Every structure is written in C-alpha cells, then in structure tokens.
PDB file of N, CA and C in Angstrom:
ATOM      1  N   UNK A   1     -18.815  23.917   2.759  1.00  0.00           N
ATOM      2  CA  UNK A   1     -18.354  24.952   2.030  1.00  0.00           C
ATOM      3  C   UNK A   1     -17.487  24.698   0.779  1.00  0.00           C
ATOM      4  N   UNK A   2     -17.923  25.642  -0.054  1.00  0.00           N
ATOM      5  CA  UNK A   2     -17.291  25.264  -1.484  1.00  0.00           C
ATOM      6  C   UNK A   2     -15.980  25.844  -1.719  1.00  0.00           C
ATOM      7  N   UNK A   3     -15.135  24.936  -2.490  1.00  0.00           N
ATOM      8  CA  UNK A   3     -14.092  25.075  -2.807  1.00  0.00           C
ATOM      9  C   UNK A   3     -13.928  26.455  -4.005  1.00  0.00           C
ATOM     10  N   UNK A   4     -12.696  27.008  -3.774  1.00  0.00           N
ATOM     11  CA  UNK A   4     -12.642  28.176  -5.382  1.00  0.00           C
ATOM     12  C   UNK A   4     -11.915  27.201  -6.098  1.00  0.00           C
ATOM     13  N   UNK A   5     -12.199  27.901  -7.188  1.00  0.00           N
ATOM     14  CA  UNK A   5     -11.564  27.274  -8.255  1.00  0.00           C
ATOM     15  C   UNK A   5     -11.446  27.805  -9.910  1.00  0.00           C
ATOM     16  N   UNK A   6     -10.564  27.760 -10.261  1.00  0.00           N
ATOM     17  CA  UNK A   6     -10.057  28.455 -11.909  1.00  0.00           C
ATOM     18  C   UNK A   6     -10.100  27.284 -12.925  1.00  0.00           C
ATOM     19  N   UNK A   7     -10.627  27.456 -14.002  1.00  0.00           N
ATOM     20  CA  UNK A   7     -10.751  26.304 -15.282  1.00  0.00           C
ATOM     21  C   UNK A   7     -10.170  27.172 -16.521  1.00  0.00           C
ATOM     22  N   UNK A   8      -9.641  26.257 -17.181  1.00  0.00           N
ATOM     23  CA  UNK A   8      -9.122  26.600 -18.540  1.00  0.00           C
ATOM     24  C   UNK A   8      -9.908  25.944 -19.341  1.00  0.00           C
ATOM     25  N   UNK A   9     -10.770  26.577 -20.335  1.00  0.00           N
ATOM     26  CA  UNK A   9     -11.594  26.252 -21.177  1.00  0.00           C
ATOM     27  C   UNK A   9     -11.507  26.632 -22.543  1.00  0.00           C
ATOM     28  N   UNK A  10     -11.769  25.752 -23.355  1.00  0.00           N
ATOM     29  CA  UNK A  10     -11.771  25.960 -25.272  1.00  0.00           C
ATOM     30  C   UNK A  10     -12.785  27.411 -25.227  1.00  0.00           C
ATOM     31  N   UNK A  11     -12.619  28.115 -25.931  1.00  0.00           N
ATOM     32  CA  UNK A  11     -13.377  29.364 -26.422  1.00  0.00           C
ATOM     33  C   UNK A  11     -14.100  28.749 -27.823  1.00  0.00           C
ATOM     34  N   UNK A  12     -15.256  28.740 -27.866  1.00  0.00           N
ATOM     35  CA  UNK A  12     -15.951  28.264 -29.098  1.00  0.00           C
ATOM     36  C   UNK A  12     -15.679  29.088 -30.363  1.00  0.00           C
ATOM     37  N   UNK A  13     -15.180  30.634 -30.149  1.00  0.00           N
ATOM     38  CA  UNK A  13     -14.949  31.518 -31.165  1.00  0.00           C
ATOM     39  C   UNK A  13     -13.396  31.390 -31.523  1.00  0.00           C
ATOM     40  N   UNK A  14     -12.844  30.651 -30.712  1.00  0.00           N
ATOM     41  CA  UNK A  14     -11.289  30.085 -30.977  1.00  0.00           C
ATOM     42  C   UNK A  14     -10.605  30.649 -29.466  1.00  0.00           C
ATOM     43  N   UNK A  15      -9.221  30.365 -29.572  1.00  0.00           N
ATOM     44  CA  UNK A  15      -8.364  30.149 -28.375  1.00  0.00           C
ATOM     45  C   UNK A  15      -8.865  29.580 -27.097  1.00  0.00           C
ATOM     46  N   UNK A  16      -8.620  30.185 -25.820  1.00  0.00           N
ATOM     47  CA  UNK A  16      -8.962  29.536 -24.602  1.00  0.00           C
ATOM     48  C   UNK A  16      -9.179  30.647 -23.583  1.00  0.00           C
ATOM     49  N   UNK A  17      -9.652  30.232 -22.904  1.00  0.00           N
ATOM     50  CA  UNK A  17     -10.204  31.296 -21.349  1.00  0.00           C
ATOM     51  C   UNK A  17      -9.984  30.701 -20.338  1.00  0.00           C
ATOM     52  N   UNK A  18      -9.722  31.968 -19.502  1.00  0.00           N
ATOM     53  CA  UNK A  18      -9.273  31.306 -18.078  1.00  0.00           C
ATOM     54  C   UNK A  18     -10.714  31.868 -17.188  1.00  0.00           C
ATOM     55  N   UNK A  19     -11.652  31.297 -16.680  1.00  0.00           N
ATOM     56  CA  UNK A  19     -12.560  31.270 -15.812  1.00  0.00           C
ATOM     57  C   UNK A  19     -12.571  30.617 -14.495  1.00  0.00           C
ATOM     58  N   UNK A  20     -13.052  32.099 -13.905  1.00  0.00           N
ATOM     59  CA  UNK A  20     -13.399  31.252 -12.441  1.00  0.00           C
ATOM     60  C   UNK A  20     -14.396  30.427 -12.013  1.00  0.00           C
ATOM     61  N   UNK A  21     -14.303  29.589 -11.026  1.00  0.00           N
ATOM     62  CA  UNK A  21     -15.347  28.418 -11.322  1.00  0.00           C
ATOM     63  C   UNK A  21     -16.839  29.061 -10.961  1.00  0.00           C
ATOM     64  N   UNK A  22     -17.817  28.502 -11.653  1.00  0.00           N
ATOM     65  CA  UNK A  22     -19.354  29.286 -11.754  1.00  0.00           C
ATOM     66  C   UNK A  22     -19.355  30.319 -12.389  1.00  0.00           C
ATOM     67  N   UNK A  23     -18.128  30.891 -12.754  1.00  0.00           N
ATOM     68  CA  UNK A  23     -18.434  32.331 -13.487  1.00  0.00           C
ATOM     69  C   UNK A  23     -18.580  32.058 -14.710  1.00  0.00           C
ATOM     70  N   UNK A  24     -19.604  33.185 -15.692  1.00  0.00           N
ATOM     71  CA  UNK A  24     -19.863  32.607 -16.774  1.00  0.00           C
ATOM     72  C   UNK A  24     -18.587  33.520 -18.007  1.00  0.00           C
ATOM     73  N   UNK A  25     -18.535  34.538 -17.416  1.00  0.00           N
ATOM     74  CA  UNK A  25     -17.298  35.268 -18.347  1.00  0.00           C
ATOM     75  C   UNK A  25     -16.077  34.666 -18.136  1.00  0.00           C
ATOM     76  N   UNK A  26     -15.056  34.993 -19.063  1.00  0.00           N
ATOM     77  CA  UNK A  26     -13.687  35.036 -19.162  1.00  0.00           C
ATOM     78  C   UNK A  26     -13.096  35.878 -18.169  1.00  0.00           C
ATOM     79  N   UNK A  27     -12.143  35.778 -17.202  1.00  0.00           N
ATOM     80  CA  UNK A  27     -11.253  36.520 -16.535  1.00  0.00           C
ATOM     81  C   UNK A  27      -9.897  36.906 -17.727  1.00  0.00           C
ATOM     82  N   UNK A  28      -9.385  35.971 -18.212  1.00  0.00           N
ATOM     83  CA  UNK A  28      -8.713  36.178 -19.172  1.00  0.00           C
ATOM     84  C   UNK A  28      -8.639  35.487 -20.581  1.00  0.00           C
ATOM     85  N   UNK A  29      -8.372  35.965 -21.720  1.00  0.00           N
ATOM     86  CA  UNK A  29      -8.383  35.067 -22.825  1.00  0.00           C
ATOM     87  C   UNK A  29      -6.997  34.825 -23.554  1.00  0.00           C
ATOM     88  N   UNK A  30      -6.867  33.908 -24.296  1.00  0.00           N
ATOM     89  CA  UNK A  30      -5.453  33.545 -25.060  1.00  0.00           C
ATOM     90  C   UNK A  30      -5.553  32.682 -26.128  1.00  0.00           C
ATOM     91  N   UNK A  31      -4.913  32.858 -27.221  1.00  0.00           N
ATOM     92  CA  UNK A  31      -4.569  32.790 -28.252  1.00  0.00           C
ATOM     93  C   UNK A  31      -4.338  30.915 -28.326  1.00  0.00           C
ATOM     94  N   UNK A  32      -3.341  30.723 -27.374  1.00  0.00           N
ATOM     95  CA  UNK A  32      -2.718  29.055 -27.131  1.00  0.00           C
ATOM     96  C   UNK A  32      -3.155  28.887 -25.671  1.00  0.00           C
ATOM     97  N   UNK A  33      -3.206  27.595 -25.971  1.00  0.00           N
ATOM     98  CA  UNK A  33      -3.774  26.881 -24.482  1.00  0.00           C
ATOM     99  C   UNK A  33      -2.682  26.922 -23.145  1.00  0.00           C
ATOM    100  N   UNK A  34      -1.574  26.862 -24.084  1.00  0.00           N
ATOM    101  CA  UNK A  34       0.265  26.872 -23.274  1.00  0.00           C
ATOM    102  C   UNK A  34      -0.121  28.344 -22.137  1.00  0.00           C
ATOM    103  N   UNK A  35      -0.255  29.430 -22.998  1.00  0.00           N
ATOM    104  CA  UNK A  35      -0.282  30.842 -21.962  1.00  0.00           C
ATOM    105  C   UNK A  35      -1.807  30.630 -21.522  1.00  0.00           C
ATOM    106  N   UNK A  36      -2.376  29.994 -21.751  1.00  0.00           N
ATOM    107  CA  UNK A  36      -3.977  29.986 -20.897  1.00  0.00           C
ATOM    108  C   UNK A  36      -3.775  29.248 -19.456  1.00  0.00           C
ATOM    109  N   UNK A  37      -2.779  28.076 -19.557  1.00  0.00           N
ATOM    110  CA  UNK A  37      -2.448  27.167 -18.790  1.00  0.00           C
ATOM    111  C   UNK A  37      -1.775  27.834 -17.398  1.00  0.00           C
ATOM    112  N   UNK A  38      -0.587  28.441 -18.198  1.00  0.00           N
ATOM    113  CA  UNK A  38       0.239  29.254 -17.286  1.00  0.00           C
ATOM    114  C   UNK A  38      -0.118  30.404 -16.960  1.00  0.00           C
ATOM    115  N   UNK A  39      -0.977  31.206 -17.533  1.00  0.00           N
ATOM    116  CA  UNK A  39      -1.500  32.198 -16.524  1.00  0.00           C
ATOM    117  C   UNK A  39      -2.567  31.408 -15.451  1.00  0.00           C
ATOM    118  N   UNK A  40      -3.384  30.740 -15.799  1.00  0.00           N
ATOM    119  CA  UNK A  40      -4.306  30.103 -14.488  1.00  0.00           C
ATOM    120  C   UNK A  40      -3.465  29.540 -13.744  1.00  0.00           C
ATOM    121  N   UNK A  41      -2.427  28.921 -13.638  1.00  0.00           N
ATOM    122  CA  UNK A  41      -1.620  28.104 -12.769  1.00  0.00           C
ATOM    123  C   UNK A  41      -1.008  29.673 -11.762  1.00  0.00           C
ATOM    124  N   UNK A  42      -0.622  30.774 -12.572  1.00  0.00           N
ATOM    125  CA  UNK A  42      -0.339  31.610 -11.444  1.00  0.00           C
ATOM    126  C   UNK A  42      -1.606  31.924 -10.572  1.00  0.00           C
ATOM    127  N   UNK A  43      -2.821  32.239 -11.367  1.00  0.00           N
ATOM    128  CA  UNK A  43      -3.713  32.461 -10.508  1.00  0.00           C
ATOM    129  C   UNK A  43      -4.104  32.218  -9.412  1.00  0.00           C
ATOM    130  N   UNK A  44      -4.303  30.559  -9.929  1.00  0.00           N
ATOM    131  CA  UNK A  44      -4.700  29.678  -8.740  1.00  0.00           C
ATOM    132  C   UNK A  44      -3.755  29.428  -7.724  1.00  0.00           C
ATOM    133  N   UNK A  45      -2.270  29.664  -8.068  1.00  0.00           N
ATOM    134  CA  UNK A  45      -1.445  29.552  -6.795  1.00  0.00           C
ATOM    135  C   UNK A  45      -1.702  30.993  -5.969  1.00  0.00           C
ATOM    136  N   UNK A  46      -1.890  32.084  -6.680  1.00  0.00           N
ATOM    137  CA  UNK A  46      -1.971  33.200  -5.434  1.00  0.00           C
ATOM    138  C   UNK A  46      -3.567  33.104  -4.923  1.00  0.00           C
ATOM    139  N   UNK A  47      -4.314  32.541  -5.481  1.00  0.00           N
ATOM    140  CA  UNK A  47      -5.730  32.718  -4.867  1.00  0.00           C
ATOM    141  C   UNK A  47      -5.837  31.315  -3.799  1.00  0.00           C
ATOM    142  N   UNK A  48      -4.902  30.206  -4.311  1.00  0.00           N
ATOM    143  CA  UNK A  48      -5.137  28.896  -3.152  1.00  0.00           C
ATOM    144  C   UNK A  48      -6.300  28.473  -3.877  1.00  0.00           C
ATOM    145  N   UNK A  49      -6.139  27.839  -5.203  1.00  0.00           N
ATOM    146  CA  UNK A  49      -7.889  27.650  -5.350  1.00  0.00           C
ATOM    147  C   UNK A  49      -7.463  26.301  -6.560  1.00  0.00           C
ATOM    148  N   UNK A  50      -8.322  25.446  -7.035  1.00  0.00           N
ATOM    149  CA  UNK A  50      -8.293  24.509  -7.616  1.00  0.00           C
ATOM    150  C   UNK A  50      -8.292  24.705  -9.155  1.00  0.00           C
ATOM    151  N   UNK A  51      -7.342  24.180  -9.711  1.00  0.00           N
ATOM    152  CA  UNK A  51      -7.082  24.418 -11.264  1.00  0.00           C
ATOM    153  C   UNK A  51      -7.452  23.667 -12.134  1.00  0.00           C
ATOM    154  N   UNK A  52      -8.621  23.500 -13.015  1.00  0.00           N
ATOM    155  CA  UNK A  52      -9.222  22.348 -13.897  1.00  0.00           C
ATOM    156  C   UNK A  52      -8.748  23.093 -15.117  1.00  0.00           C
ATOM    157  N   UNK A  53      -8.207  21.903 -15.825  1.00  0.00           N
ATOM    158  CA  UNK A  53      -7.527  22.268 -17.282  1.00  0.00           C
ATOM    159  C   UNK A  53      -8.853  21.580 -18.511  1.00  0.00           C
ATOM    160  N   UNK A  54      -9.417  21.839 -19.317  1.00  0.00           N
ATOM    161  CA  UNK A  54     -10.408  21.286 -19.972  1.00  0.00           C
ATOM    162  C   UNK A  54      -9.960  20.843 -21.355  1.00  0.00           C
ATOM    163  N   UNK A  55     -10.211  19.855 -21.984  1.00  0.00           N
ATOM    164  CA  UNK A  55      -9.868  19.836 -23.415  1.00  0.00           C
ATOM    165  C   UNK A  55     -10.792  20.497 -24.275  1.00  0.00           C
ATOM    166  N   UNK A  56     -10.236  20.137 -25.620  1.00  0.00           N
ATOM    167  CA  UNK A  56     -11.405  20.739 -26.642  1.00  0.00           C
ATOM    168  C   UNK A  56     -13.013  20.424 -26.511  1.00  0.00           C
ATOM    169  N   UNK A  57     -13.055  19.100 -25.860  1.00  0.00           N
ATOM    170  CA  UNK A  57     -14.433  18.554 -26.009  1.00  0.00           C
ATOM    171  C   UNK A  57     -14.985  19.039 -24.825  1.00  0.00           C
ATOM    172  N   UNK A  58     -14.336  19.770 -23.404  1.00  0.00           N
ATOM    173  CA  UNK A  58     -14.698  20.180 -22.442  1.00  0.00           C
ATOM    174  C   UNK A  58     -14.760  19.075 -21.398  1.00  0.00           C
ATOM    175  N   UNK A  59     -13.858  18.313 -21.733  1.00  0.00           N
ATOM    176  CA  UNK A  59     -13.767  17.097 -20.553  1.00  0.00           C
ATOM    177  C   UNK A  59     -12.120  17.839 -19.594  1.00  0.00           C
ATOM    178  N   UNK A  60     -12.607  17.374 -18.441  1.00  0.00           N
ATOM    179  CA  UNK A  60     -11.235  17.553 -17.554  1.00  0.00           C
ATOM    180  C   UNK A  60     -10.095  16.864 -17.829  1.00  0.00           C
ATOM    181  N   UNK A  61      -8.749  17.358 -18.162  1.00  0.00           N
ATOM    182  CA  UNK A  61      -7.820  16.445 -18.672  1.00  0.00           C
ATOM    183  C   UNK A  61      -6.827  16.470 -17.769  1.00  0.00           C
ATOM    184  N   UNK A  62      -6.773  17.511 -16.538  1.00  0.00           N
ATOM    185  CA  UNK A  62      -5.989  17.684 -15.678  1.00  0.00           C
ATOM    186  C   UNK A  62      -6.416  18.655 -14.467  1.00  0.00           C
ATOM    187  N   UNK A  63      -6.000  18.220 -13.132  1.00  0.00           N
ATOM    188  CA  UNK A  63      -6.370  18.959 -12.066  1.00  0.00           C
ATOM    189  C   UNK A  63      -5.239  19.363 -11.324  1.00  0.00           C
ATOM    190  N   UNK A  64      -4.945  20.503 -10.787  1.00  0.00           N
ATOM    191  CA  UNK A  64      -4.042  20.667  -9.937  1.00  0.00           C
ATOM    192  C   UNK A  64      -4.505  21.468  -8.594  1.00  0.00           C
ATOM    193  N   UNK A  65      -4.264  21.488  -7.349  1.00  0.00           N
ATOM    194  CA  UNK A  65      -4.755  21.862  -6.476  1.00  0.00           C
ATOM    195  C   UNK A  65      -3.420  22.540  -5.536  1.00  0.00           C
ATOM    196  N   UNK A  66      -3.923  24.004  -5.356  1.00  0.00           N
ATOM    197  CA  UNK A  66      -2.897  24.817  -4.783  1.00  0.00           C
ATOM    198  C   UNK A  66      -3.492  25.722  -3.737  1.00  0.00           C
ATOM    199  N   UNK A  67      -4.106  24.724  -2.853  1.00  0.00           N
ATOM    200  CA  UNK A  67      -4.644  25.147  -1.823  1.00  0.00           C
ATOM    201  C   UNK A  67      -4.639  24.190  -0.539  1.00  0.00           C
ATOM    202  N   UNK A  68      -5.577  24.067   0.077  1.00  0.00           N
ATOM    203  CA  UNK A  68      -5.786  23.251   0.916  1.00  0.00           C
ATOM    204  C   UNK A  68      -6.339  21.859   0.433  1.00  0.00           C
ATOM    205  N   UNK A  69      -5.404  20.998   0.206  1.00  0.00           N
ATOM    206  CA  UNK A  69      -5.548  19.909  -0.574  1.00  0.00           C
ATOM    207  C   UNK A  69      -6.216  18.482   0.291  1.00  0.00           C
ATOM    208  N   UNK A  70      -7.467  18.570   0.030  1.00  0.00           N
ATOM    209  CA  UNK A  70      -8.175  17.374   1.086  1.00  0.00           C
ATOM    210  C   UNK A  70      -7.165  16.007   0.945  1.00  0.00           C
ATOM    211  N   UNK A  71      -6.838  15.946   0.405  1.00  0.00           N
ATOM    212  CA  UNK A  71      -6.124  14.703   0.141  1.00  0.00           C
ATOM    213  C   UNK A  71      -4.568  14.760  -0.290  1.00  0.00           C
ATOM    214  N   UNK A  72      -3.642  15.247   0.643  1.00  0.00           N
ATOM    215  CA  UNK A  72      -2.153  15.516   0.459  1.00  0.00           C
ATOM    216  C   UNK A  72      -1.501  14.230   0.411  1.00  0.00           C
ATOM    217  N   UNK A  73      -0.313  13.972  -0.289  1.00  0.00           N
ATOM    218  CA  UNK A  73       0.471  12.790  -0.143  1.00  0.00           C
ATOM    219  C   UNK A  73       0.833  12.558   1.398  1.00  0.00           C
ATOM    220  N   UNK A  74       1.362  11.256   1.712  1.00  0.00           N
ATOM    221  CA  UNK A  74       1.719  10.933   2.973  1.00  0.00           C
ATOM    222  C   UNK A  74       3.333  11.287   2.984  1.00  0.00           C
ATOM    223  N   UNK A  75       3.666  11.739   4.257  1.00  0.00           N
ATOM    224  CA  UNK A  75       5.094  12.090   3.935  1.00  0.00           C
ATOM    225  C   UNK A  75       5.345  13.345   3.807  1.00  0.00           C
TER     226      UNK A  75
END
C-alpha cells in the first residue's frame, strides 16, 4: 500500500510549492516557505498524510506524520 504524502518544495522560479506526493504540478504556491509549510501542514492533517519539508537543495529537512504512523511513540 502506498502512503499518501504532501511535499513543500522550492520553486526554481521563486517561492515555495506544496505538491501531492508523485504529482508534477503544485497544488498551492507561496512566496515564503513558512506560509507554504503552514498550509501544507493543514492539508496533510486533513488528509492524514505524511508531510515532507524540503530545503532549497531539495533534501528533506523535516518529516511529519499526520495519519497512520507506522512507528508511534510508546505510551
């Protein structure tokens, strides 16, 4: 089963995009990364998906799970 995911990625033309995992097109575009992350977090929570936040170089800087976390913390 593939997991749903959303990504915040740098747009080469400037700004930041929120994309659905595996998607080519941005579902939202923002001038500032913080705005993109805030919006992506709401989308991810609503759709119970994984959220990946990428840096300018494309590497994943942070990952949040808003759904069926395969490794929930004990307790």
